[in-house]
Amino acid sequence: MALANTRESYGWIAIALHWIAAIGVLLMFYYGFQAAGAGDAGDRAARRLWMGLHISTGATLFLFFAARIIWAYAQPRPVKPPQARWLNILSSATQHLLLLALLIQIISGPLAVWSGGRAINVFDVVSLPSPFAAENEGVHEAAELAHLIGRIILFWLIPLHVLGALKHVVLDRDGAFRRMLYPSKLKT
């Protein structure tokens, strides 16, 4: 059972962290967009509910997101499949920017809540108190802006990442996508 990555394959840990992060990010987008829609409609109770789910899910998955980023750089990356050089550059840039955006989100999200003078309430089970003695408008605004930038990066790069995966499945049929499902070797 290959837990760690090799030059030929992703290991089970990388695969699990990738899919946990992917599902988590999609959930976070959904909850965040629902909260925004409820806020635009003036439904404060629904906005509070959706933001509570967004914040609770983010807090619950924080360590998985952090582990995803750390593991991606602590482990060797499998060799890229044969394709045009510019596609390898694009795929590498996309992967690095996705991880950067995830890092921005897991730092700016908690900072936005705490600097707004609130504790992070995790599903009404655990409360993570703010390290700030009082509201901090400057940190709050910076955290909100960083969270927006991270969200925009994710919003545009996730579809590009998915298109790249589909290219490997439909056009190239080179087994590259399969490496993110289970440890295997890339067809050359």
N, C-alpha and C. Protein backbone atom coordinates (compact mmCIF):
# COMPACT_ATOMS: atom_id res chain seq x y z
N MET A 1 0.85 -1.18 0.00
CA MET A 1 0.00 0.00 0.00
C MET A 1 0.90 1.24 0.00
N ALA A 2 0.86 2.01 -1.07
CA ALA A 2 1.71 3.18 -1.25
C ALA A 2 1.09 4.40 -0.59
N LEU A 3 1.58 4.78 0.59
CA LEU A 3 1.06 5.96 1.26
C LEU A 3 1.68 7.23 0.72
N ALA A 4 2.97 7.19 0.43
CA ALA A 4 3.70 8.36 -0.05
C ALA A 4 3.76 8.38 -1.57
N ASN A 5 4.03 9.56 -2.10
CA ASN A 5 4.20 9.73 -3.54
C ASN A 5 5.52 9.12 -4.00
N THR A 6 5.55 8.76 -5.26
CA THR A 6 6.79 8.38 -5.93
C THR A 6 6.89 9.23 -7.18
N ARG A 7 7.95 9.07 -7.94
CA ARG A 7 8.07 9.81 -9.20
C ARG A 7 7.09 9.29 -10.25
N GLU A 8 6.52 8.10 -10.02
CA GLU A 8 5.56 7.52 -10.97
C GLU A 8 4.12 7.72 -10.55
N SER A 9 3.87 7.92 -9.24
CA SER A 9 2.49 7.85 -8.76
C SER A 9 2.27 8.70 -7.53
N TYR A 10 1.04 9.18 -7.38
CA TYR A 10 0.62 9.80 -6.12
C TYR A 10 0.33 8.67 -5.14
N GLY A 11 0.60 8.92 -3.87
CA GLY A 11 0.30 7.93 -2.83
C GLY A 11 -1.09 8.16 -2.28
N TRP A 12 -1.54 7.23 -1.43
CA TRP A 12 -2.89 7.30 -0.87
C TRP A 12 -3.12 8.57 -0.05
N ILE A 13 -2.09 9.05 0.65
CA ILE A 13 -2.28 10.27 1.46
C ILE A 13 -2.56 11.47 0.56
N ALA A 14 -1.75 11.64 -0.49
CA ALA A 14 -1.97 12.75 -1.43
C ALA A 14 -3.33 12.65 -2.09
N ILE A 15 -3.71 11.44 -2.47
CA ILE A 15 -5.00 11.24 -3.14
C ILE A 15 -6.15 11.59 -2.19
N ALA A 16 -6.09 11.09 -0.96
CA ALA A 16 -7.15 11.38 0.01
C ALA A 16 -7.22 12.87 0.31
N LEU A 17 -6.08 13.51 0.53
CA LEU A 17 -6.08 14.94 0.83
C LEU A 17 -6.59 15.76 -0.35
N HIS A 18 -6.25 15.35 -1.57
CA HIS A 18 -6.73 16.05 -2.76
C HIS A 18 -8.26 16.04 -2.82
N TRP A 19 -8.85 14.85 -2.64
CA TRP A 19 -10.31 14.74 -2.78
C TRP A 19 -11.05 15.34 -1.59
N ILE A 20 -10.49 15.24 -0.39
CA ILE A 20 -11.11 15.91 0.77
C ILE A 20 -11.10 17.42 0.54
N ALA A 21 -9.96 17.94 0.08
CA ALA A 21 -9.87 19.38 -0.19
C ALA A 21 -10.81 19.79 -1.32
N ALA A 22 -10.89 18.99 -2.37
CA ALA A 22 -11.76 19.33 -3.50
C ALA A 22 -13.22 19.39 -3.06
N ILE A 23 -13.67 18.38 -2.35
CA ILE A 23 -15.05 18.36 -1.88
C ILE A 23 -15.28 19.49 -0.88
N GLY A 24 -14.31 19.70 0.00
CA GLY A 24 -14.42 20.79 0.98
C GLY A 24 -14.53 22.15 0.33
N VAL A 25 -13.70 22.41 -0.67
CA VAL A 25 -13.74 23.71 -1.35
C VAL A 25 -15.09 23.90 -2.06
N LEU A 26 -15.58 22.85 -2.70
CA LEU A 26 -16.88 22.96 -3.37
C LEU A 26 -18.00 23.22 -2.36
N LEU A 27 -17.96 22.55 -1.22
CA LEU A 27 -18.94 22.82 -0.16
C LEU A 27 -18.84 24.25 0.32
N MET A 28 -17.61 24.72 0.52
CA MET A 28 -17.41 26.09 1.00
C MET A 28 -17.96 27.10 -0.01
N PHE A 29 -17.71 26.85 -1.30
CA PHE A 29 -18.28 27.72 -2.33
C PHE A 29 -19.80 27.72 -2.24
N TYR A 30 -20.38 26.54 -2.15
CA TYR A 30 -21.84 26.44 -2.11
C TYR A 30 -22.41 27.20 -0.91
N TYR A 31 -21.88 26.94 0.26
CA TYR A 31 -22.37 27.62 1.47
C TYR A 31 -22.17 29.13 1.37
N GLY A 32 -21.00 29.54 0.87
CA GLY A 32 -20.73 30.97 0.75
C GLY A 32 -21.66 31.66 -0.23
N PHE A 33 -21.91 31.01 -1.38
CA PHE A 33 -22.83 31.61 -2.36
C PHE A 33 -24.26 31.63 -1.83
N GLN A 34 -24.67 30.61 -1.10
CA GLN A 34 -26.00 30.60 -0.49
C GLN A 34 -26.13 31.74 0.52
N ALA A 35 -25.07 31.94 1.31
CA ALA A 35 -25.08 33.03 2.30
C ALA A 35 -25.19 34.38 1.60
N ALA A 36 -24.42 34.56 0.53
CA ALA A 36 -24.47 35.82 -0.22
C ALA A 36 -25.85 36.05 -0.81
N GLY A 37 -26.44 34.99 -1.38
CA GLY A 37 -27.78 35.11 -1.95
C GLY A 37 -28.82 35.47 -0.89
N ALA A 38 -28.71 34.83 0.27
CA ALA A 38 -29.65 35.14 1.36
C ALA A 38 -29.45 36.57 1.83
N GLY A 39 -28.19 37.02 1.90
CA GLY A 39 -27.92 38.40 2.30
C GLY A 39 -28.49 39.39 1.30
N ASP A 40 -28.32 39.09 0.00
CA ASP A 40 -28.87 39.97 -1.03
C ASP A 40 -30.39 40.03 -0.97
N ALA A 41 -31.01 38.92 -0.55
CA ALA A 41 -32.47 38.87 -0.45
C ALA A 41 -32.97 39.48 0.86
N GLY A 42 -32.04 39.86 1.73
CA GLY A 42 -32.42 40.45 3.01
C GLY A 42 -32.85 39.44 4.06
N ASP A 43 -32.57 38.17 3.83
CA ASP A 43 -32.94 37.11 4.78
C ASP A 43 -31.77 36.88 5.73
N ARG A 44 -31.78 37.61 6.83
CA ARG A 44 -30.67 37.56 7.78
C ARG A 44 -30.54 36.19 8.45
N ALA A 45 -31.66 35.55 8.73
CA ALA A 45 -31.61 34.24 9.39
C ALA A 45 -30.97 33.20 8.47
N ALA A 46 -31.35 33.21 7.20
CA ALA A 46 -30.77 32.26 6.24
C ALA A 46 -29.29 32.56 6.03
N ARG A 47 -28.96 33.84 5.95
CA ARG A 47 -27.54 34.21 5.78
C ARG A 47 -26.73 33.72 6.97
N ARG A 48 -27.25 33.90 8.16
CA ARG A 48 -26.55 33.45 9.37
C ARG A 48 -26.37 31.92 9.35
N LEU A 49 -27.41 31.20 8.91
CA LEU A 49 -27.34 29.74 8.83
C LEU A 49 -26.26 29.30 7.84
N TRP A 50 -26.29 29.87 6.63
CA TRP A 50 -25.33 29.48 5.60
C TRP A 50 -23.90 29.88 5.98
N MET A 51 -23.74 31.06 6.56
CA MET A 51 -22.40 31.48 7.00
C MET A 51 -21.92 30.59 8.14
N GLY A 52 -22.83 30.17 9.00
CA GLY A 52 -22.47 29.25 10.08
C GLY A 52 -21.96 27.93 9.51
N LEU A 53 -22.63 27.42 8.48
CA LEU A 53 -22.18 26.19 7.82
C LEU A 53 -20.83 26.40 7.13
N HIS A 54 -20.68 27.55 6.47
CA HIS A 54 -19.43 27.88 5.78
C HIS A 54 -18.27 27.93 6.78
N ILE A 55 -18.46 28.65 7.86
CA ILE A 55 -17.41 28.81 8.87
C ILE A 55 -17.13 27.49 9.58
N SER A 56 -18.18 26.78 9.96
CA SER A 56 -18.01 25.50 10.66
C SER A 56 -17.29 24.47 9.79
N THR A 57 -17.67 24.39 8.53
CA THR A 57 -17.03 23.45 7.61
C THR A 57 -15.56 23.83 7.41
N GLY A 58 -15.31 25.11 7.24
CA GLY A 58 -13.93 25.57 7.08
C GLY A 58 -13.07 25.24 8.29
N ALA A 59 -13.62 25.46 9.48
CA ALA A 59 -12.88 25.16 10.70
C ALA A 59 -12.65 23.65 10.84
N THR A 60 -13.65 22.87 10.48
CA THR A 60 -13.54 21.42 10.57
C THR A 60 -12.49 20.88 9.61
N LEU A 61 -12.42 21.46 8.43
CA LEU A 61 -11.50 20.98 7.39
C LEU A 61 -10.15 21.71 7.39
N PHE A 62 -9.98 22.66 8.28
CA PHE A 62 -8.75 23.47 8.29
C PHE A 62 -7.49 22.61 8.26
N LEU A 63 -7.41 21.62 9.13
CA LEU A 63 -6.20 20.79 9.19
C LEU A 63 -6.02 19.96 7.92
N PHE A 64 -7.12 19.52 7.31
CA PHE A 64 -7.02 18.79 6.04
C PHE A 64 -6.50 19.71 4.94
N PHE A 65 -7.02 20.95 4.90
CA PHE A 65 -6.56 21.91 3.90
C PHE A 65 -5.07 22.21 4.09
N ALA A 66 -4.67 22.45 5.34
CA ALA A 66 -3.26 22.73 5.63
C ALA A 66 -2.39 21.52 5.27
N ALA A 67 -2.86 20.34 5.62
CA ALA A 67 -2.10 19.12 5.29
C ALA A 67 -1.99 18.95 3.79
N ARG A 68 -3.03 19.29 3.06
CA ARG A 68 -3.01 19.19 1.59
C ARG A 68 -1.90 20.05 1.01
N ILE A 69 -1.79 21.27 1.52
CA ILE A 69 -0.77 22.20 1.02
C ILE A 69 0.62 21.69 1.39
N ILE A 70 0.81 21.33 2.64
CA ILE A 70 2.12 20.88 3.10
C ILE A 70 2.55 19.61 2.38
N TRP A 71 1.63 18.65 2.27
CA TRP A 71 1.95 17.36 1.64
C TRP A 71 2.32 17.56 0.17
N ALA A 72 1.66 18.50 -0.49
CA ALA A 72 1.95 18.74 -1.91
C ALA A 72 3.40 19.17 -2.13
N TYR A 73 3.97 19.88 -1.15
CA TYR A 73 5.34 20.34 -1.30
C TYR A 73 6.36 19.47 -0.57
N ALA A 74 5.90 18.63 0.33
CA ALA A 74 6.80 17.75 1.08
C ALA A 74 7.09 16.45 0.33
N GLN A 75 6.28 16.14 -0.63
CA GLN A 75 6.38 14.88 -1.38
C GLN A 75 6.85 15.15 -2.81
N PRO A 76 7.50 14.16 -3.40
CA PRO A 76 7.84 14.33 -4.83
C PRO A 76 6.57 14.34 -5.67
N ARG A 77 6.60 15.07 -6.74
CA ARG A 77 5.48 15.06 -7.68
C ARG A 77 5.77 14.02 -8.75
N PRO A 78 4.77 13.25 -9.10
CA PRO A 78 4.98 12.30 -10.20
C PRO A 78 5.38 13.04 -11.48
N VAL A 79 6.13 12.35 -12.30
CA VAL A 79 6.58 12.91 -13.58
C VAL A 79 5.36 13.29 -14.41
N LYS A 80 5.46 14.44 -15.06
CA LYS A 80 4.36 14.91 -15.92
C LYS A 80 4.20 13.97 -17.11
N PRO A 81 2.96 13.80 -17.56
CA PRO A 81 2.75 12.98 -18.76
C PRO A 81 3.32 13.70 -19.98
N PRO A 82 3.63 12.94 -21.03
CA PRO A 82 4.15 13.58 -22.24
C PRO A 82 3.08 14.47 -22.88
N GLN A 83 3.40 15.74 -23.00
CA GLN A 83 2.52 16.70 -23.65
C GLN A 83 3.34 17.95 -23.97
N ALA A 84 2.76 18.89 -24.66
CA ALA A 84 3.47 20.11 -25.05
C ALA A 84 4.01 20.81 -23.80
N ARG A 85 5.19 21.42 -23.95
CA ARG A 85 5.84 22.10 -22.82
C ARG A 85 4.93 23.15 -22.21
N TRP A 86 4.23 23.92 -23.05
CA TRP A 86 3.38 24.99 -22.53
C TRP A 86 2.24 24.43 -21.69
N LEU A 87 1.76 23.22 -22.00
CA LEU A 87 0.72 22.58 -21.19
C LEU A 87 1.27 22.15 -19.83
N ASN A 88 2.51 21.67 -19.81
CA ASN A 88 3.12 21.34 -18.52
C ASN A 88 3.33 22.58 -17.66
N ILE A 89 3.74 23.69 -18.28
CA ILE A 89 3.91 24.95 -17.55
C ILE A 89 2.55 25.42 -17.02
N LEU A 90 1.53 25.37 -17.87
CA LEU A 90 0.19 25.79 -17.46
C LEU A 90 -0.34 24.91 -16.32
N SER A 91 -0.14 23.60 -16.42
CA SER A 91 -0.66 22.72 -15.37
C SER A 91 0.09 22.94 -14.06
N SER A 92 1.40 23.15 -14.11
CA SER A 92 2.17 23.42 -12.89
C SER A 92 1.74 24.74 -12.26
N ALA A 93 1.61 25.77 -13.10
CA ALA A 93 1.18 27.08 -12.58
C ALA A 93 -0.21 26.99 -11.96
N THR A 94 -1.10 26.25 -12.59
CA THR A 94 -2.46 26.08 -12.07
C THR A 94 -2.42 25.38 -10.73
N GLN A 95 -1.65 24.31 -10.61
CA GLN A 95 -1.57 23.57 -9.34
C GLN A 95 -1.01 24.46 -8.23
N HIS A 96 0.07 25.19 -8.52
CA HIS A 96 0.68 26.05 -7.50
C HIS A 96 -0.27 27.18 -7.09
N LEU A 97 -0.94 27.77 -8.07
CA LEU A 97 -1.87 28.87 -7.75
C LEU A 97 -3.10 28.36 -6.98
N LEU A 98 -3.57 27.16 -7.28
CA LEU A 98 -4.68 26.58 -6.51
C LEU A 98 -4.26 26.38 -5.06
N LEU A 99 -3.06 25.87 -4.84
CA LEU A 99 -2.57 25.68 -3.47
C LEU A 99 -2.37 27.02 -2.77
N LEU A 100 -1.86 28.02 -3.49
CA LEU A 100 -1.70 29.36 -2.92
C LEU A 100 -3.06 29.94 -2.53
N ALA A 101 -4.04 29.80 -3.41
CA ALA A 101 -5.38 30.31 -3.11
C ALA A 101 -5.98 29.60 -1.91
N LEU A 102 -5.76 28.30 -1.79
CA LEU A 102 -6.24 27.56 -0.63
C LEU A 102 -5.57 28.07 0.64
N LEU A 103 -4.27 28.35 0.57
CA LEU A 103 -3.56 28.91 1.72
C LEU A 103 -4.12 30.27 2.10
N ILE A 104 -4.37 31.10 1.11
CA ILE A 104 -4.97 32.42 1.36
C ILE A 104 -6.30 32.25 2.09
N GLN A 105 -7.12 31.30 1.62
CA GLN A 105 -8.44 31.11 2.22
C GLN A 105 -8.37 30.64 3.67
N ILE A 106 -7.46 29.69 3.95
CA ILE A 106 -7.43 29.15 5.32
C ILE A 106 -6.79 30.12 6.32
N ILE A 107 -6.09 31.13 5.82
CA ILE A 107 -5.56 32.17 6.71
C ILE A 107 -6.56 33.32 6.82
N SER A 108 -7.06 33.78 5.68
CA SER A 108 -7.93 34.96 5.69
C SER A 108 -9.31 34.68 6.27
N GLY A 109 -9.83 33.46 6.09
CA GLY A 109 -11.17 33.15 6.62
C GLY A 109 -11.24 33.30 8.13
N PRO A 110 -10.41 32.58 8.89
CA PRO A 110 -10.44 32.75 10.33
C PRO A 110 -10.12 34.18 10.77
N LEU A 111 -9.15 34.83 10.08
CA LEU A 111 -8.81 36.20 10.44
C LEU A 111 -10.00 37.15 10.25
N ALA A 112 -10.78 36.92 9.19
CA ALA A 112 -11.94 37.77 8.94
C ALA A 112 -12.97 37.64 10.07
N VAL A 113 -13.17 36.41 10.54
CA VAL A 113 -14.13 36.19 11.62
C VAL A 113 -13.60 36.79 12.92
N TRP A 114 -12.38 36.42 13.28
CA TRP A 114 -11.81 36.88 14.56
C TRP A 114 -11.64 38.39 14.61
N SER A 115 -11.15 39.00 13.52
CA SER A 115 -10.92 40.44 13.53
C SER A 115 -12.24 41.21 13.50
N GLY A 116 -13.33 40.51 13.18
CA GLY A 116 -14.65 41.13 13.26
C GLY A 116 -15.21 41.07 14.67
N GLY A 117 -14.42 40.57 15.60
CA GLY A 117 -14.83 40.54 17.00
C GLY A 117 -15.64 39.32 17.39
N ARG A 118 -15.58 38.26 16.58
CA ARG A 118 -16.38 37.07 16.86
C ARG A 118 -15.48 35.85 17.05
N ALA A 119 -15.97 34.92 17.81
CA ALA A 119 -15.32 33.62 17.92
C ALA A 119 -15.75 32.78 16.73
N ILE A 120 -14.97 31.74 16.43
CA ILE A 120 -15.36 30.80 15.39
C ILE A 120 -16.15 29.70 16.07
N ASN A 121 -17.43 29.65 15.76
CA ASN A 121 -18.34 28.67 16.33
C ASN A 121 -18.41 27.48 15.36
N VAL A 122 -18.01 26.30 15.84
CA VAL A 122 -17.96 25.12 14.98
C VAL A 122 -19.15 24.23 15.29
N PHE A 123 -20.19 24.33 14.46
CA PHE A 123 -21.41 23.52 14.57
C PHE A 123 -22.01 23.55 15.98
N ASP A 124 -21.90 24.67 16.66
CA ASP A 124 -22.44 24.83 18.02
C ASP A 124 -21.89 23.79 19.00
N VAL A 125 -20.72 23.24 18.68
CA VAL A 125 -20.08 22.24 19.55
C VAL A 125 -18.83 22.82 20.20
N VAL A 126 -18.02 23.50 19.39
CA VAL A 126 -16.77 24.08 19.86
C VAL A 126 -16.73 25.54 19.45
N SER A 127 -16.17 26.37 20.31
CA SER A 127 -16.00 27.77 19.99
C SER A 127 -14.52 28.11 20.10
N LEU A 128 -13.98 28.64 19.01
CA LEU A 128 -12.57 29.04 18.99
C LEU A 128 -12.50 30.55 19.20
N PRO A 129 -12.10 30.98 20.39
CA PRO A 129 -12.13 32.41 20.71
C PRO A 129 -11.16 33.22 19.85
N SER A 130 -11.50 34.46 19.65
CA SER A 130 -10.68 35.36 18.86
C SER A 130 -9.39 35.70 19.60
N PRO A 131 -8.27 35.72 18.89
CA PRO A 131 -7.03 36.17 19.53
C PRO A 131 -6.96 37.69 19.65
N PHE A 132 -7.91 38.39 19.04
CA PHE A 132 -7.97 39.84 19.11
C PHE A 132 -8.76 40.26 20.34
N ALA A 133 -8.27 41.26 21.06
CA ALA A 133 -8.96 41.74 22.26
C ALA A 133 -10.25 42.46 21.89
N ALA A 134 -10.27 43.06 20.70
CA ALA A 134 -11.45 43.79 20.24
C ALA A 134 -11.47 43.71 18.71
N GLU A 135 -12.55 44.22 18.13
CA GLU A 135 -12.62 44.27 16.67
C GLU A 135 -11.42 45.03 16.13
N ASN A 136 -10.90 44.58 15.00
CA ASN A 136 -9.77 45.24 14.38
C ASN A 136 -10.14 45.51 12.92
N GLU A 137 -10.60 46.70 12.66
CA GLU A 137 -11.12 47.08 11.34
C GLU A 137 -10.09 46.89 10.23
N GLY A 138 -8.84 47.28 10.47
CA GLY A 138 -7.81 47.17 9.44
C GLY A 138 -7.53 45.72 9.06
N VAL A 139 -7.36 44.85 10.06
CA VAL A 139 -7.12 43.44 9.78
C VAL A 139 -8.36 42.82 9.12
N HIS A 140 -9.54 43.22 9.61
CA HIS A 140 -10.78 42.68 9.06
C HIS A 140 -10.91 42.99 7.57
N GLU A 141 -10.69 44.24 7.21
CA GLU A 141 -10.80 44.64 5.80
C GLU A 141 -9.76 43.92 4.94
N ALA A 142 -8.52 43.82 5.44
CA ALA A 142 -7.47 43.12 4.70
C ALA A 142 -7.81 41.64 4.53
N ALA A 143 -8.33 41.02 5.60
CA ALA A 143 -8.69 39.60 5.54
C ALA A 143 -9.85 39.38 4.56
N GLU A 144 -10.83 40.26 4.59
CA GLU A 144 -11.96 40.15 3.66
C GLU A 144 -11.49 40.28 2.21
N LEU A 145 -10.57 41.23 1.95
CA LEU A 145 -10.04 41.41 0.60
C LEU A 145 -9.23 40.18 0.17
N ALA A 146 -8.39 39.68 1.05
CA ALA A 146 -7.60 38.48 0.73
C ALA A 146 -8.52 37.30 0.46
N HIS A 147 -9.60 37.17 1.24
CA HIS A 147 -10.54 36.06 1.05
C HIS A 147 -11.23 36.18 -0.32
N LEU A 148 -11.55 37.39 -0.71
CA LEU A 148 -12.14 37.63 -2.03
C LEU A 148 -11.16 37.26 -3.14
N ILE A 149 -9.91 37.66 -3.00
CA ILE A 149 -8.90 37.35 -4.02
C ILE A 149 -8.70 35.84 -4.12
N GLY A 150 -8.60 35.17 -2.98
CA GLY A 150 -8.47 33.71 -2.99
C GLY A 150 -9.66 33.04 -3.65
N ARG A 151 -10.84 33.54 -3.35
CA ARG A 151 -12.07 32.99 -3.94
C ARG A 151 -12.07 33.16 -5.46
N ILE A 152 -11.65 34.32 -5.93
CA ILE A 152 -11.62 34.58 -7.38
C ILE A 152 -10.62 33.64 -8.05
N ILE A 153 -9.44 33.48 -7.45
CA ILE A 153 -8.44 32.57 -8.02
C ILE A 153 -9.01 31.17 -8.12
N LEU A 154 -9.61 30.69 -7.03
CA LEU A 154 -10.21 29.34 -7.04
C LEU A 154 -11.32 29.24 -8.07
N PHE A 155 -12.16 30.26 -8.14
CA PHE A 155 -13.31 30.24 -9.05
C PHE A 155 -12.87 30.07 -10.50
N TRP A 156 -11.75 30.69 -10.88
CA TRP A 156 -11.29 30.60 -12.26
C TRP A 156 -10.38 29.41 -12.52
N LEU A 157 -9.62 29.00 -11.51
CA LEU A 157 -8.66 27.93 -11.76
C LEU A 157 -9.23 26.52 -11.57
N ILE A 158 -10.25 26.37 -10.75
CA ILE A 158 -10.84 25.03 -10.59
C ILE A 158 -11.38 24.51 -11.92
N PRO A 159 -12.14 25.29 -12.68
CA PRO A 159 -12.58 24.79 -13.99
C PRO A 159 -11.41 24.48 -14.94
N LEU A 160 -10.35 25.28 -14.88
CA LEU A 160 -9.18 25.01 -15.72
C LEU A 160 -8.54 23.68 -15.30
N HIS A 161 -8.45 23.43 -14.00
CA HIS A 161 -7.90 22.18 -13.48
C HIS A 161 -8.76 20.99 -13.93
N VAL A 162 -10.07 21.15 -13.85
CA VAL A 162 -10.99 20.09 -14.26
C VAL A 162 -10.87 19.85 -15.77
N LEU A 163 -10.76 20.91 -16.55
CA LEU A 163 -10.58 20.75 -18.01
C LEU A 163 -9.28 20.01 -18.32
N GLY A 164 -8.24 20.31 -17.57
CA GLY A 164 -6.99 19.59 -17.76
C GLY A 164 -7.15 18.11 -17.46
N ALA A 165 -7.86 17.79 -16.38
CA ALA A 165 -8.11 16.38 -16.04
C ALA A 165 -8.92 15.71 -17.14
N LEU A 166 -9.95 16.39 -17.64
CA LEU A 166 -10.77 15.83 -18.72
C LEU A 166 -9.96 15.62 -20.00
N LYS A 167 -9.02 16.53 -20.27
CA LYS A 167 -8.14 16.37 -21.43
C LYS A 167 -7.38 15.05 -21.32
N HIS A 168 -6.86 14.76 -20.12
CA HIS A 168 -6.11 13.52 -19.94
C HIS A 168 -7.00 12.29 -20.06
N VAL A 169 -8.25 12.41 -19.64
CA VAL A 169 -9.18 11.27 -19.71
C VAL A 169 -9.68 11.06 -21.13
N VAL A 170 -10.17 12.11 -21.76
CA VAL A 170 -10.87 11.99 -23.05
C VAL A 170 -9.93 12.02 -24.24
N LEU A 171 -9.02 12.98 -24.28
CA LEU A 171 -8.16 13.14 -25.45
C LEU A 171 -6.88 12.31 -25.38
N ASP A 172 -6.15 12.46 -24.28
CA ASP A 172 -4.84 11.80 -24.18
C ASP A 172 -4.94 10.33 -23.79
N ARG A 173 -5.88 10.01 -22.95
CA ARG A 173 -6.05 8.63 -22.44
C ARG A 173 -4.71 8.06 -21.96
N ASP A 174 -4.01 8.89 -21.16
CA ASP A 174 -2.66 8.53 -20.74
C ASP A 174 -2.57 8.03 -19.31
N GLY A 175 -3.70 7.92 -18.62
CA GLY A 175 -3.68 7.41 -17.24
C GLY A 175 -3.33 8.45 -16.20
N ALA A 176 -3.11 9.69 -16.60
CA ALA A 176 -2.73 10.74 -15.64
C ALA A 176 -3.82 10.96 -14.60
N PHE A 177 -5.08 10.99 -15.03
CA PHE A 177 -6.18 11.20 -14.08
C PHE A 177 -6.30 10.04 -13.11
N ARG A 178 -6.10 8.84 -13.61
CA ARG A 178 -6.19 7.65 -12.78
C ARG A 178 -5.23 7.71 -11.59
N ARG A 179 -4.09 8.41 -11.77
CA ARG A 179 -3.12 8.53 -10.68
C ARG A 179 -3.68 9.28 -9.49
N MET A 180 -4.74 10.07 -9.69
CA MET A 180 -5.36 10.79 -8.58
C MET A 180 -6.54 10.00 -8.01
N LEU A 181 -6.76 8.81 -8.51
CA LEU A 181 -7.80 7.91 -7.98
C LEU A 181 -7.19 6.79 -7.14
N TYR A 182 -6.07 6.27 -7.58
CA TYR A 182 -5.36 5.24 -6.83
C TYR A 182 -3.92 5.20 -7.31
N PRO A 183 -2.98 4.78 -6.45
CA PRO A 183 -1.58 4.73 -6.88
C PRO A 183 -1.41 3.79 -8.07
N SER A 184 -0.81 4.33 -9.10
CA SER A 184 -0.59 3.54 -10.31
C SER A 184 0.55 4.15 -11.08
N LYS A 185 0.90 3.52 -12.17
CA LYS A 185 1.97 4.03 -13.02
C LYS A 185 1.37 4.71 -14.24
N LEU A 186 2.03 5.74 -14.68
CA LEU A 186 1.61 6.49 -15.86
C LEU A 186 2.04 5.73 -17.11
N LYS A 187 1.13 5.63 -18.08
CA LYS A 187 1.49 5.00 -19.37
C LYS A 187 2.43 5.94 -20.11
N THR A 188 3.49 5.38 -20.64
CA THR A 188 4.41 6.23 -21.43
C THR A 188 4.53 5.71 -22.84
